Amino acid sequence: MNEQYAKIAGKLKNWLNDWRTSYDAKTFLNSFGSLMITTFFALYNGFLGLIHVSPWHGSICVYYLLLVSLRFSVLMAERHVLRRKRQGSDGSRIRLNIYLLCSVLLLVLNLCLIWPISLLVRMRRPVNMTLIPAITMAAYAFAKISMASFHLVKRKRSGNCLVRLLRMINFIDALLSIVSLQNTLIMVVSHDSDKIHMLTLSAVSSGLIWLAIVVLSCRTLLWGIRQWKGPMDRAG
């Protein structure tokens, strides 16, 4: 039993040391925490979709769960690459293959966002909500935007393309949280007399954010294609 505790303590010590000294390790370890938070946020949206019969919240729940699955796949792929590297294999090409596949899936997933965005434009969403969902959305959006903006710049310090992909997924997650926050606030404070103005605000701002998400997804994929055609050690 003592040996098992010693092994666990040794692993925790190594993880903590990696988190302090390695930017890549810090990214992957932090991503596990972010994954759990996003899962909770997705389930919370699903709960709101059920109690308010809201297609918007239901569709956002599905989107976030798929985004969580994609992020989890990247993390598991990195774990597989590290195992292969310990056996003497070169992980660069494997990482790039995974990057390209996940970039395609990310682009397709974000293109499908047009459906929930269209629900907002057509005002097919509940209008009677309390402040609790708004506070929850605000806390999630603030945390995601702060962390994603900070780390999106620092990602260029890493030569690992999967770190780049994870940071971009986190930034897209943060952008969508702005849409969720904005429209939850509209649900809380808008009245029938404000419906036309709120419709215009929702359509313009949500459409622009969706367009930005799609552009970022395309750039992510194009970067991977350039790396595939060019030298493996070229930094983007």
Protein backbone atom coordinates (compact mmCIF):
# COMPACT_ATOMS: atom_id res chain seq x y z
CA MET A 1 0.00 0.00 0.00
CA ASN A 2 2.82 2.39 0.88
CA GLU A 3 4.46 1.65 -2.47
CA GLN A 4 1.25 2.57 -4.28
CA TYR A 5 1.01 5.85 -2.38
CA ALA A 6 4.65 6.53 -3.21
CA LYS A 7 4.03 5.94 -6.92
CA ILE A 8 0.99 8.22 -6.91
CA ALA A 9 2.90 10.90 -5.02
CA GLY A 10 5.78 10.57 -7.48
CA LYS A 11 3.46 11.01 -10.47
CA LEU A 12 1.79 14.04 -8.90
CA LYS A 13 5.19 15.56 -8.19
CA ASN A 14 6.29 15.00 -11.81
CA TRP A 15 3.05 16.54 -13.14
CA LEU A 16 3.44 19.54 -10.89
CA ASN A 17 7.05 19.98 -11.97
CA ASP A 18 6.06 19.71 -15.65
CA TRP A 19 3.26 22.23 -15.08
CA ARG A 20 5.75 24.71 -13.63
CA THR A 21 8.55 24.26 -16.15
CA SER A 22 7.00 23.18 -19.47
CA TYR A 23 4.60 25.39 -21.41
CA ASP A 24 3.32 22.41 -23.43
CA ALA A 25 2.71 20.32 -20.30
CA LYS A 26 0.95 23.26 -18.67
CA THR A 27 -1.30 23.58 -21.72
CA PHE A 28 -2.33 19.95 -21.71
CA LEU A 29 -2.84 19.77 -17.94
CA ASN A 30 -4.88 22.99 -17.94
CA SER A 31 -6.93 21.65 -20.83
CA PHE A 32 -8.21 18.81 -18.68
CA GLY A 33 -9.57 21.33 -16.21
CA SER A 34 -11.04 23.43 -19.00
CA LEU A 35 -12.63 20.32 -20.45
CA MET A 36 -14.51 19.61 -17.21
CA ILE A 37 -15.70 23.23 -16.93
CA THR A 38 -16.95 23.22 -20.51
CA THR A 39 -18.73 19.91 -19.92
CA PHE A 40 -20.56 21.44 -16.96
CA PHE A 41 -21.44 24.51 -19.06
CA ALA A 42 -22.78 22.27 -21.86
CA LEU A 43 -24.95 20.31 -19.44
CA TYR A 44 -26.19 23.53 -17.88
CA ASN A 45 -27.27 24.75 -21.32
CA GLY A 46 -29.00 21.43 -21.86
CA PHE A 47 -30.82 21.88 -18.56
CA LEU A 48 -31.96 25.37 -19.60
CA GLY A 49 -33.07 23.99 -22.95
CA LEU A 50 -35.25 21.40 -21.23
CA ILE A 51 -36.92 23.60 -18.64
CA HIS A 52 -37.48 26.51 -21.06
CA VAL A 53 -38.09 24.36 -24.18
CA SER A 54 -35.34 26.35 -25.88
CA PRO A 55 -33.92 25.09 -29.21
CA TRP A 56 -31.04 27.58 -28.79
CA HIS A 57 -29.82 26.18 -25.49
CA GLY A 58 -30.35 22.62 -26.67
CA SER A 59 -28.30 23.15 -29.82
CA ILE A 60 -25.54 24.95 -27.89
CA CYS A 61 -25.44 22.03 -25.46
CA VAL A 62 -24.85 19.64 -28.35
CA TYR A 63 -22.20 21.94 -29.86
CA TYR A 64 -20.26 22.23 -26.60
CA LEU A 65 -20.40 18.48 -25.99
CA LEU A 66 -18.97 17.91 -29.48
CA LEU A 67 -16.30 20.53 -28.79
CA VAL A 68 -15.45 18.75 -25.53
CA SER A 69 -15.17 15.47 -27.45
CA LEU A 70 -12.82 17.09 -29.96
CA ARG A 71 -10.66 18.58 -27.21
CA PHE A 72 -10.57 15.24 -25.38
CA SER A 73 -9.51 13.50 -28.60
CA VAL A 74 -6.59 15.91 -28.99
CA LEU A 75 -5.49 15.27 -25.40
CA MET A 76 -5.65 11.50 -25.85
CA ALA A 77 -3.81 11.78 -29.15
CA GLU A 78 -0.98 13.69 -27.46
CA ARG A 79 -0.78 10.99 -24.82
CA HIS A 80 -0.47 8.39 -27.61
CA VAL A 81 2.25 10.44 -29.32
CA LEU A 82 4.27 10.67 -26.11
CA ARG A 83 4.09 6.90 -25.71
CA ARG A 84 5.29 6.42 -29.28
CA LYS A 85 8.15 8.87 -28.73
CA ARG A 86 9.30 6.92 -25.67
CA GLN A 87 9.53 3.90 -27.97
CA GLY A 88 11.77 5.84 -30.37
CA SER A 89 9.19 6.97 -32.95
CA ASP A 90 9.08 10.47 -34.40
CA GLY A 91 5.91 12.15 -33.16
CA SER A 92 5.99 15.20 -35.45
CA ARG A 93 4.24 13.59 -38.41
CA ILE A 94 1.69 11.87 -36.16
CA ARG A 95 0.88 15.18 -34.46
CA LEU A 96 0.45 16.91 -37.80
CA ASN A 97 -1.90 14.20 -39.08
CA ILE A 98 -4.00 14.56 -35.94
CA TYR A 99 -3.91 18.34 -36.27
CA LEU A 100 -5.21 18.23 -39.84
CA LEU A 101 -7.99 15.77 -39.03
CA CYS A 102 -9.17 17.72 -35.99
CA SER A 103 -8.94 21.01 -37.91
CA VAL A 104 -11.31 19.64 -40.55
CA LEU A 105 -13.72 18.44 -37.86
CA LEU A 106 -13.50 21.81 -36.10
CA LEU A 107 -14.32 23.66 -39.32
CA VAL A 108 -17.32 21.41 -40.05
CA LEU A 109 -18.55 21.78 -36.48
CA ASN A 110 -18.31 25.56 -36.61
CA LEU A 111 -20.04 25.75 -39.97
CA CYS A 112 -22.94 23.89 -38.35
CA LEU A 113 -23.20 26.75 -35.84
CA ILE A 114 -25.23 28.57 -38.47
CA TRP A 115 -28.30 26.62 -37.32
CA PRO A 116 -28.34 27.79 -33.64
CA ILE A 117 -27.32 31.27 -34.80
CA SER A 118 -30.31 31.29 -37.15
CA LEU A 119 -32.53 30.41 -34.19
CA LEU A 120 -31.37 33.59 -32.51
CA VAL A 121 -32.00 35.66 -35.60
CA ARG A 122 -35.55 34.31 -35.83
CA MET A 123 -36.02 34.88 -32.06
CA ARG A 124 -36.86 31.22 -31.46
CA ARG A 125 -35.77 31.28 -27.86
CA PRO A 126 -37.35 31.86 -24.41
CA VAL A 127 -37.80 35.44 -23.18
CA ASN A 128 -38.61 34.85 -19.49
CA MET A 129 -35.47 33.96 -17.55
CA THR A 130 -34.03 34.90 -14.17
CA LEU A 131 -30.67 36.51 -13.49
CA ILE A 132 -29.08 33.21 -12.41
CA PRO A 133 -28.42 31.97 -16.00
CA ALA A 134 -27.08 35.41 -16.91
CA ILE A 135 -24.66 35.40 -13.96
CA THR A 136 -23.52 31.87 -14.87
CA MET A 137 -22.96 32.84 -18.51
CA ALA A 138 -21.10 36.00 -17.46
CA ALA A 139 -18.75 34.08 -15.15
CA TYR A 140 -18.05 31.47 -17.83
CA ALA A 141 -17.52 34.07 -20.56
CA PHE A 142 -15.19 36.21 -18.43
CA ALA A 143 -13.04 33.24 -17.43
CA LYS A 144 -12.85 31.83 -20.96
CA ILE A 145 -12.11 35.14 -22.67
CA SER A 146 -9.41 36.11 -20.16
CA MET A 147 -7.59 32.78 -20.35
CA ALA A 148 -7.99 32.23 -24.10
CA SER A 149 -6.80 35.71 -25.07
CA PHE A 150 -3.71 35.42 -22.86
CA HIS A 151 -2.69 31.97 -24.07
CA LEU A 152 -3.54 32.49 -27.75
CA VAL A 153 -0.56 34.84 -28.01
CA LYS A 154 1.75 32.58 -25.99
CA ARG A 155 0.98 29.54 -28.15
CA LYS A 156 3.67 30.64 -30.63
CA ARG A 157 6.27 29.77 -28.02
CA SER A 158 5.51 26.10 -28.57
CA GLY A 159 6.63 23.95 -31.47
CA ASN A 160 3.84 21.45 -30.78
CA CYS A 161 1.04 21.87 -33.32
CA LEU A 162 -1.48 20.24 -30.96
CA VAL A 163 -0.81 23.00 -28.43
CA ARG A 164 -1.68 25.49 -31.15
CA LEU A 165 -4.88 23.59 -31.90
CA LEU A 166 -5.95 23.43 -28.25
CA ARG A 167 -5.41 27.15 -27.82
CA MET A 168 -7.47 27.90 -30.91
CA ILE A 169 -10.29 25.65 -29.69
CA ASN A 170 -10.24 27.49 -26.37
CA PHE A 171 -10.40 30.86 -28.14
CA ILE A 172 -13.35 29.76 -30.28
CA ASP A 173 -15.02 28.48 -27.12
CA ALA A 174 -14.53 31.95 -25.60
CA LEU A 175 -15.99 33.73 -28.64
CA LEU A 176 -19.11 31.59 -28.55
CA SER A 177 -19.49 32.28 -24.84
CA ILE A 178 -19.91 35.95 -25.76
CA VAL A 179 -22.89 35.03 -27.95
CA SER A 180 -24.37 32.93 -25.15
CA LEU A 181 -23.93 35.74 -22.62
CA GLN A 182 -25.33 38.40 -24.93
CA ASN A 183 -28.45 36.49 -25.78
CA THR A 184 -29.05 35.30 -22.23
CA LEU A 185 -28.95 38.94 -21.12
CA ILE A 186 -31.44 39.79 -23.88
CA MET A 187 -33.72 37.05 -22.60
CA VAL A 188 -33.57 38.52 -19.11
CA VAL A 189 -34.04 42.22 -19.80
CA SER A 190 -35.91 42.50 -23.11
CA HIS A 191 -39.63 43.25 -23.37
CA ASP A 192 -42.06 42.89 -26.24
CA SER A 193 -41.53 46.54 -27.16
CA ASP A 194 -37.78 45.91 -27.51
CA LYS A 195 -38.14 42.81 -29.68
CA ILE A 196 -37.33 44.48 -33.02
CA HIS A 197 -34.24 46.22 -31.66
CA MET A 198 -33.08 43.08 -29.89
CA LEU A 199 -33.59 41.08 -33.09
CA THR A 200 -31.31 43.44 -34.99
CA LEU A 201 -28.65 43.41 -32.27
CA SER A 202 -28.76 39.62 -32.02
CA ALA A 203 -28.58 39.11 -35.78
CA VAL A 204 -25.66 41.47 -36.41
CA SER A 205 -23.44 40.66 -33.43
CA SER A 206 -24.02 36.88 -33.49
CA GLY A 207 -23.46 36.78 -37.24
CA LEU A 208 -20.17 38.67 -36.95
CA ILE A 209 -18.91 36.43 -34.17
CA TRP A 210 -19.89 33.32 -36.13
CA LEU A 211 -18.06 34.69 -39.17
CA ALA A 212 -14.96 35.30 -37.03
CA ILE A 213 -15.15 31.73 -35.71
CA VAL A 214 -15.35 30.31 -39.24
CA VAL A 215 -12.42 32.46 -40.41
CA LEU A 216 -10.31 31.28 -37.46
CA SER A 217 -11.24 27.68 -38.23
CA CYS A 218 -10.19 28.12 -41.87
CA ARG A 219 -6.90 29.71 -40.85
CA THR A 220 -6.25 26.83 -38.47
CA LEU A 221 -6.76 24.30 -41.26
CA LEU A 222 -4.70 26.28 -43.80
CA TRP A 223 -1.81 26.53 -41.35
CA GLY A 224 -1.82 22.75 -41.02
CA ILE A 225 -1.86 22.30 -44.79
CA ARG A 226 1.13 24.63 -45.15
CA GLN A 227 3.01 22.69 -42.50
CA TRP A 228 2.21 19.46 -44.31
CA LYS A 229 3.62 20.79 -47.56
CA GLY A 230 6.60 22.54 -45.99
CA PRO A 231 9.32 21.56 -43.51
CA MET A 232 8.10 19.84 -40.39
CA ASP A 233 10.07 22.10 -38.09
CA ARG A 234 8.75 25.37 -39.47
CA ALA A 235 6.99 27.50 -36.87
CA GLY A 236 3.72 29.19 -37.77
